[in-house]
Amino acid sequence: MDSPVSPAPGRWPRPPAALPHARLDEPPDGARVTVAGLVLVRQRPGTAKGVVFVTLEDETGVANVIVWAKTFQRFRRAVIAGRLLRVTGRLQREAGVAHVIAETVEDISPLLDRLTAPG
C-alpha cells in the first residue's frame, strides 16, 4: 500500500550519486557512501551528548544516519531545517542494522519542487 505522503516511484527527485537505501547492504562495512531522502525523524536525546539521529526515506526504504555533535555544529542548519537531505559518511553495521555516520550533510530540499513541476 502506498503512503499518501510518499512520492510515486519514478517521480522521486533522485540526487546525483546517492545510493538507494535498499542497496546499503552491498558496500563493505566502513565504506564511504552517500544517501539521500526525506527526513522522517530527527532525534536528539538528552542522554546522547549532542548526537542527532536522523531517519531518511527514499523510494526503496529508510536509512539511519548518526550525526556526531561536531558534525552537527558544522551542518546545524541543514540537519535542523532540511526536509530532503543528502548525507555522505561511513557505513557502519551493528547487529544487522546499517547506519551512516555523517561526515557532510546537505539540504537539498529545493529538489522537492521537481515533484510538482509539469512534465
N, C-alpha and C. Protein backbone atom coordinates (compact mmCIF):
# COMPACT_ATOMS: atom_id res chain seq x y z
N MET A 1 0.84 -1.17 0.00
CA MET A 1 0.00 0.00 0.00
C MET A 1 0.89 1.24 0.00
N ASP A 2 0.60 2.19 -0.89
CA ASP A 2 1.39 3.42 -0.97
C ASP A 2 1.00 4.38 0.13
N SER A 3 2.00 5.03 0.69
CA SER A 3 1.76 6.05 1.70
C SER A 3 1.31 7.33 1.02
N PRO A 4 0.31 8.03 1.55
CA PRO A 4 -0.17 9.24 0.90
C PRO A 4 0.85 10.37 0.94
N VAL A 5 1.87 10.28 1.78
CA VAL A 5 2.86 11.35 1.85
C VAL A 5 4.12 11.02 1.05
N SER A 6 4.25 9.82 0.53
CA SER A 6 5.43 9.45 -0.24
C SER A 6 5.18 9.70 -1.72
N PRO A 7 6.18 10.24 -2.43
CA PRO A 7 6.02 10.46 -3.86
C PRO A 7 5.93 9.12 -4.59
N ALA A 8 5.28 9.15 -5.73
CA ALA A 8 5.15 7.95 -6.54
C ALA A 8 6.52 7.53 -7.06
N PRO A 9 6.80 6.21 -7.15
CA PRO A 9 8.07 5.76 -7.70
C PRO A 9 8.28 6.33 -9.10
N GLY A 10 9.50 6.68 -9.41
CA GLY A 10 9.79 7.26 -10.70
C GLY A 10 9.68 8.78 -10.70
N ARG A 11 8.98 9.34 -9.73
CA ARG A 11 8.83 10.79 -9.63
C ARG A 11 9.71 11.33 -8.51
N TRP A 12 10.45 10.45 -7.87
CA TRP A 12 11.29 10.85 -6.75
C TRP A 12 12.44 11.70 -7.27
N PRO A 13 12.76 12.78 -6.60
CA PRO A 13 13.87 13.63 -7.08
C PRO A 13 15.22 13.04 -6.70
N ARG A 14 15.66 12.00 -7.40
CA ARG A 14 16.90 11.29 -7.08
C ARG A 14 18.10 12.20 -7.27
N PRO A 15 18.80 12.54 -6.20
CA PRO A 15 20.01 13.37 -6.32
C PRO A 15 21.13 12.58 -6.98
N PRO A 16 22.05 13.27 -7.60
CA PRO A 16 23.18 12.56 -8.21
C PRO A 16 24.02 11.84 -7.15
N ALA A 17 24.49 10.70 -7.51
CA ALA A 17 25.45 9.92 -6.71
C ALA A 17 24.92 9.47 -5.35
N ALA A 18 23.62 9.33 -5.20
CA ALA A 18 23.04 8.84 -3.95
C ALA A 18 22.70 7.36 -4.10
N LEU A 19 23.14 6.57 -3.14
CA LEU A 19 22.88 5.13 -3.13
C LEU A 19 21.46 4.88 -2.63
N PRO A 20 20.65 4.14 -3.40
CA PRO A 20 19.32 3.80 -2.88
C PRO A 20 19.44 3.03 -1.56
N HIS A 21 18.57 3.31 -0.64
CA HIS A 21 18.65 2.72 0.69
C HIS A 21 18.57 1.21 0.66
N ALA A 22 17.86 0.63 -0.28
CA ALA A 22 17.75 -0.82 -0.37
C ALA A 22 19.09 -1.48 -0.70
N ARG A 23 20.06 -0.69 -1.16
CA ARG A 23 21.37 -1.23 -1.54
C ARG A 23 22.44 -0.99 -0.47
N LEU A 24 22.04 -0.54 0.72
CA LEU A 24 23.01 -0.29 1.78
C LEU A 24 23.68 -1.57 2.29
N ASP A 25 23.13 -2.73 1.93
CA ASP A 25 23.76 -3.98 2.35
C ASP A 25 24.91 -4.39 1.42
N GLU A 26 25.10 -3.68 0.30
CA GLU A 26 26.12 -4.05 -0.69
C GLU A 26 27.53 -3.56 -0.35
N PRO A 27 27.72 -2.28 0.01
CA PRO A 27 29.09 -1.83 0.30
C PRO A 27 29.63 -2.49 1.57
N PRO A 28 30.94 -2.63 1.65
CA PRO A 28 31.52 -3.21 2.87
C PRO A 28 31.40 -2.25 4.05
N ASP A 29 31.44 -2.81 5.25
CA ASP A 29 31.43 -2.00 6.46
C ASP A 29 32.59 -1.02 6.41
N GLY A 30 32.32 0.24 6.73
CA GLY A 30 33.36 1.27 6.71
C GLY A 30 33.47 2.01 5.39
N ALA A 31 32.73 1.56 4.38
CA ALA A 31 32.77 2.22 3.07
C ALA A 31 32.17 3.63 3.18
N ARG A 32 32.68 4.54 2.37
CA ARG A 32 32.13 5.89 2.31
C ARG A 32 30.97 5.86 1.31
N VAL A 33 29.79 6.26 1.76
CA VAL A 33 28.60 6.23 0.93
C VAL A 33 27.87 7.57 1.00
N THR A 34 27.01 7.79 0.02
CA THR A 34 26.12 8.95 0.03
C THR A 34 24.70 8.43 -0.10
N VAL A 35 23.84 8.89 0.80
CA VAL A 35 22.42 8.56 0.76
C VAL A 35 21.64 9.87 0.74
N ALA A 36 20.40 9.78 0.29
CA ALA A 36 19.55 10.96 0.27
C ALA A 36 18.11 10.53 0.50
N GLY A 37 17.34 11.40 1.11
CA GLY A 37 15.93 11.07 1.31
C GLY A 37 15.21 12.12 2.12
N LEU A 38 13.91 11.90 2.20
CA LEU A 38 13.06 12.77 3.01
C LEU A 38 13.33 12.50 4.48
N VAL A 39 13.34 13.55 5.28
CA VAL A 39 13.56 13.39 6.71
C VAL A 39 12.26 12.91 7.34
N LEU A 40 12.29 11.73 7.92
CA LEU A 40 11.13 11.19 8.63
C LEU A 40 11.18 11.56 10.10
N VAL A 41 12.38 11.40 10.69
CA VAL A 41 12.54 11.59 12.14
C VAL A 41 13.89 12.24 12.41
N ARG A 42 13.88 13.18 13.35
CA ARG A 42 15.11 13.74 13.92
C ARG A 42 15.00 13.52 15.42
N GLN A 43 16.01 12.93 16.01
CA GLN A 43 16.00 12.72 17.45
C GLN A 43 17.31 13.22 18.03
N ARG A 44 17.19 13.97 19.10
CA ARG A 44 18.38 14.45 19.81
C ARG A 44 18.15 14.21 21.30
N PRO A 45 18.28 12.96 21.71
CA PRO A 45 18.05 12.63 23.12
C PRO A 45 19.01 13.37 24.04
N GLY A 46 18.52 13.79 25.18
CA GLY A 46 19.34 14.49 26.15
C GLY A 46 20.50 13.64 26.65
N THR A 47 20.34 12.34 26.61
CA THR A 47 21.38 11.44 27.09
C THR A 47 22.41 11.11 26.02
N ALA A 48 22.24 11.64 24.81
CA ALA A 48 23.11 11.27 23.69
C ALA A 48 24.31 12.19 23.51
N LYS A 49 24.53 13.12 24.42
CA LYS A 49 25.70 14.00 24.40
C LYS A 49 25.83 14.75 23.08
N GLY A 50 24.73 15.31 22.60
CA GLY A 50 24.77 16.13 21.39
C GLY A 50 24.65 15.37 20.09
N VAL A 51 24.52 14.06 20.13
CA VAL A 51 24.38 13.27 18.92
C VAL A 51 22.94 13.40 18.41
N VAL A 52 22.80 13.53 17.09
CA VAL A 52 21.47 13.60 16.47
C VAL A 52 21.30 12.36 15.61
N PHE A 53 20.15 11.72 15.74
CA PHE A 53 19.80 10.56 14.94
C PHE A 53 18.74 11.00 13.93
N VAL A 54 18.99 10.73 12.65
CA VAL A 54 18.08 11.13 11.59
C VAL A 54 17.69 9.89 10.81
N THR A 55 16.41 9.77 10.51
CA THR A 55 15.93 8.69 9.65
C THR A 55 15.49 9.30 8.33
N LEU A 56 16.09 8.82 7.23
CA LEU A 56 15.76 9.30 5.90
C LEU A 56 15.01 8.21 5.14
N GLU A 57 14.09 8.64 4.29
CA GLU A 57 13.34 7.69 3.45
C GLU A 57 13.52 8.04 1.99
N ASP A 58 13.83 7.03 1.18
CA ASP A 58 13.75 7.20 -0.26
C ASP A 58 12.74 6.19 -0.79
N GLU A 59 12.65 6.04 -2.09
CA GLU A 59 11.62 5.17 -2.66
C GLU A 59 11.87 3.69 -2.39
N THR A 60 13.06 3.35 -1.85
CA THR A 60 13.38 1.94 -1.63
C THR A 60 13.40 1.54 -0.15
N GLY A 61 13.33 2.52 0.74
CA GLY A 61 13.37 2.19 2.16
C GLY A 61 13.89 3.34 3.00
N VAL A 62 14.40 2.99 4.19
CA VAL A 62 14.89 4.01 5.11
C VAL A 62 16.37 3.83 5.37
N ALA A 63 17.02 4.93 5.75
CA ALA A 63 18.42 4.91 6.14
C ALA A 63 18.55 5.60 7.50
N ASN A 64 19.33 4.99 8.37
CA ASN A 64 19.59 5.57 9.69
C ASN A 64 20.90 6.35 9.61
N VAL A 65 20.85 7.60 10.04
CA VAL A 65 22.02 8.47 10.00
C VAL A 65 22.36 8.92 11.42
N ILE A 66 23.63 8.85 11.75
CA ILE A 66 24.11 9.33 13.04
C ILE A 66 24.96 10.57 12.77
N VAL A 67 24.59 11.68 13.42
CA VAL A 67 25.32 12.93 13.26
C VAL A 67 25.97 13.24 14.60
N TRP A 68 27.30 13.09 14.69
CA TRP A 68 28.01 13.39 15.92
C TRP A 68 27.96 14.89 16.19
N ALA A 69 28.14 15.28 17.44
CA ALA A 69 27.99 16.67 17.87
C ALA A 69 28.84 17.64 17.05
N LYS A 70 30.07 17.29 16.77
CA LYS A 70 30.96 18.17 16.00
C LYS A 70 30.43 18.37 14.57
N THR A 71 29.96 17.30 13.96
CA THR A 71 29.38 17.39 12.61
C THR A 71 28.08 18.18 12.65
N PHE A 72 27.28 17.97 13.69
CA PHE A 72 26.03 18.72 13.84
C PHE A 72 26.30 20.22 13.90
N GLN A 73 27.31 20.62 14.66
CA GLN A 73 27.64 22.05 14.75
C GLN A 73 27.99 22.62 13.39
N ARG A 74 28.68 21.86 12.59
CA ARG A 74 29.11 22.32 11.26
C ARG A 74 27.94 22.41 10.28
N PHE A 75 26.99 21.48 10.37
CA PHE A 75 25.89 21.41 9.41
C PHE A 75 24.54 21.62 10.09
N ARG A 76 24.55 22.38 11.16
CA ARG A 76 23.37 22.60 12.01
C ARG A 76 22.11 22.98 11.21
N ARG A 77 22.22 23.99 10.36
CA ARG A 77 21.05 24.47 9.62
C ARG A 77 20.42 23.35 8.78
N ALA A 78 21.25 22.61 8.05
CA ALA A 78 20.74 21.53 7.21
C ALA A 78 20.08 20.45 8.05
N VAL A 79 20.73 20.05 9.14
CA VAL A 79 20.19 18.97 9.98
C VAL A 79 18.86 19.38 10.60
N ILE A 80 18.76 20.62 11.05
CA ILE A 80 17.54 21.07 11.73
C ILE A 80 16.42 21.39 10.75
N ALA A 81 16.73 22.08 9.65
CA ALA A 81 15.68 22.62 8.78
C ALA A 81 15.43 21.82 7.51
N GLY A 82 16.36 20.99 7.09
CA GLY A 82 16.20 20.29 5.82
C GLY A 82 15.05 19.30 5.81
N ARG A 83 14.30 19.30 4.74
CA ARG A 83 13.22 18.32 4.55
C ARG A 83 13.70 17.17 3.68
N LEU A 84 14.66 17.46 2.79
CA LEU A 84 15.28 16.46 1.93
C LEU A 84 16.78 16.64 2.09
N LEU A 85 17.46 15.61 2.56
CA LEU A 85 18.89 15.70 2.85
C LEU A 85 19.70 14.72 2.02
N ARG A 86 20.92 15.13 1.70
CA ARG A 86 21.92 14.22 1.13
C ARG A 86 23.04 14.15 2.16
N VAL A 87 23.38 12.94 2.56
CA VAL A 87 24.38 12.73 3.62
C VAL A 87 25.48 11.82 3.07
N THR A 88 26.72 12.25 3.28
CA THR A 88 27.87 11.43 2.92
C THR A 88 28.58 11.07 4.22
N GLY A 89 28.94 9.81 4.32
CA GLY A 89 29.61 9.36 5.53
C GLY A 89 30.04 7.91 5.43
N ARG A 90 30.45 7.38 6.55
CA ARG A 90 30.93 6.00 6.62
C ARG A 90 29.81 5.06 7.02
N LEU A 91 29.75 3.93 6.33
CA LEU A 91 28.75 2.91 6.61
C LEU A 91 29.20 2.08 7.81
N GLN A 92 28.30 1.89 8.75
CA GLN A 92 28.60 1.10 9.94
C GLN A 92 27.46 0.10 10.14
N ARG A 93 27.82 -1.15 10.36
CA ARG A 93 26.79 -2.16 10.61
C ARG A 93 26.95 -2.69 12.03
N GLU A 94 25.81 -2.76 12.73
CA GLU A 94 25.78 -3.35 14.06
C GLU A 94 24.52 -4.17 14.18
N ALA A 95 24.68 -5.42 14.54
CA ALA A 95 23.55 -6.35 14.72
C ALA A 95 22.63 -6.36 13.50
N GLY A 96 23.22 -6.32 12.30
CA GLY A 96 22.43 -6.40 11.08
C GLY A 96 21.77 -5.10 10.66
N VAL A 97 22.01 -4.01 11.39
CA VAL A 97 21.41 -2.73 11.05
C VAL A 97 22.50 -1.81 10.51
N ALA A 98 22.24 -1.19 9.35
CA ALA A 98 23.20 -0.27 8.74
C ALA A 98 22.93 1.16 9.20
N HIS A 99 24.00 1.86 9.52
CA HIS A 99 23.94 3.27 9.89
C HIS A 99 24.95 4.01 9.03
N VAL A 100 24.64 5.25 8.69
CA VAL A 100 25.61 6.11 8.02
C VAL A 100 26.08 7.12 9.06
N ILE A 101 27.38 7.13 9.31
CA ILE A 101 27.96 8.10 10.25
C ILE A 101 28.29 9.34 9.42
N ALA A 102 27.51 10.40 9.61
CA ALA A 102 27.58 11.58 8.75
C ALA A 102 28.93 12.28 8.82
N GLU A 103 29.44 12.63 7.65
CA GLU A 103 30.62 13.49 7.52
C GLU A 103 30.21 14.84 6.95
N THR A 104 29.29 14.80 5.97
CA THR A 104 28.72 16.03 5.40
C THR A 104 27.21 15.85 5.28
N VAL A 105 26.49 16.94 5.49
CA VAL A 105 25.03 16.94 5.40
C VAL A 105 24.64 18.12 4.51
N GLU A 106 23.89 17.83 3.45
CA GLU A 106 23.44 18.88 2.53
C GLU A 106 21.92 18.96 2.54
N ASP A 107 21.40 20.17 2.62
CA ASP A 107 19.96 20.38 2.48
C ASP A 107 19.67 20.54 1.00
N ILE A 108 19.01 19.53 0.43
CA ILE A 108 18.67 19.57 -0.99
C ILE A 108 17.16 19.67 -1.18
N SER A 109 16.51 20.28 -0.19
CA SER A 109 15.05 20.44 -0.23
C SER A 109 14.54 21.13 -1.50
N PRO A 110 15.29 22.05 -2.13
CA PRO A 110 14.78 22.64 -3.38
C PRO A 110 14.46 21.60 -4.46
N LEU A 111 15.06 20.41 -4.40
CA LEU A 111 14.74 19.37 -5.38
C LEU A 111 13.29 18.90 -5.25
N LEU A 112 12.67 19.15 -4.11
CA LEU A 112 11.27 18.75 -3.93
C LEU A 112 10.35 19.48 -4.89
N ASP A 113 10.78 20.65 -5.38
CA ASP A 113 9.98 21.39 -6.36
C ASP A 113 9.77 20.58 -7.64
N ARG A 114 10.68 19.65 -7.92
CA ARG A 114 10.54 18.82 -9.13
C ARG A 114 9.30 17.93 -9.06
N LEU A 115 8.85 17.63 -7.86
CA LEU A 115 7.68 16.76 -7.74
C LEU A 115 6.43 17.41 -8.29
N THR A 116 6.36 18.72 -8.22
CA THR A 116 5.15 19.41 -8.68
C THR A 116 5.36 20.12 -10.02
N ALA A 117 6.58 20.03 -10.57
CA ALA A 117 6.86 20.67 -11.85
C ALA A 117 6.17 19.91 -12.97
N PRO A 118 5.62 20.62 -13.95
CA PRO A 118 5.00 19.95 -15.09
C PRO A 118 6.03 19.12 -15.86
N GLY A 119 5.56 17.97 -16.38
CA GLY A 119 6.42 17.12 -17.21
C GLY A 119 7.39 16.39 -16.39
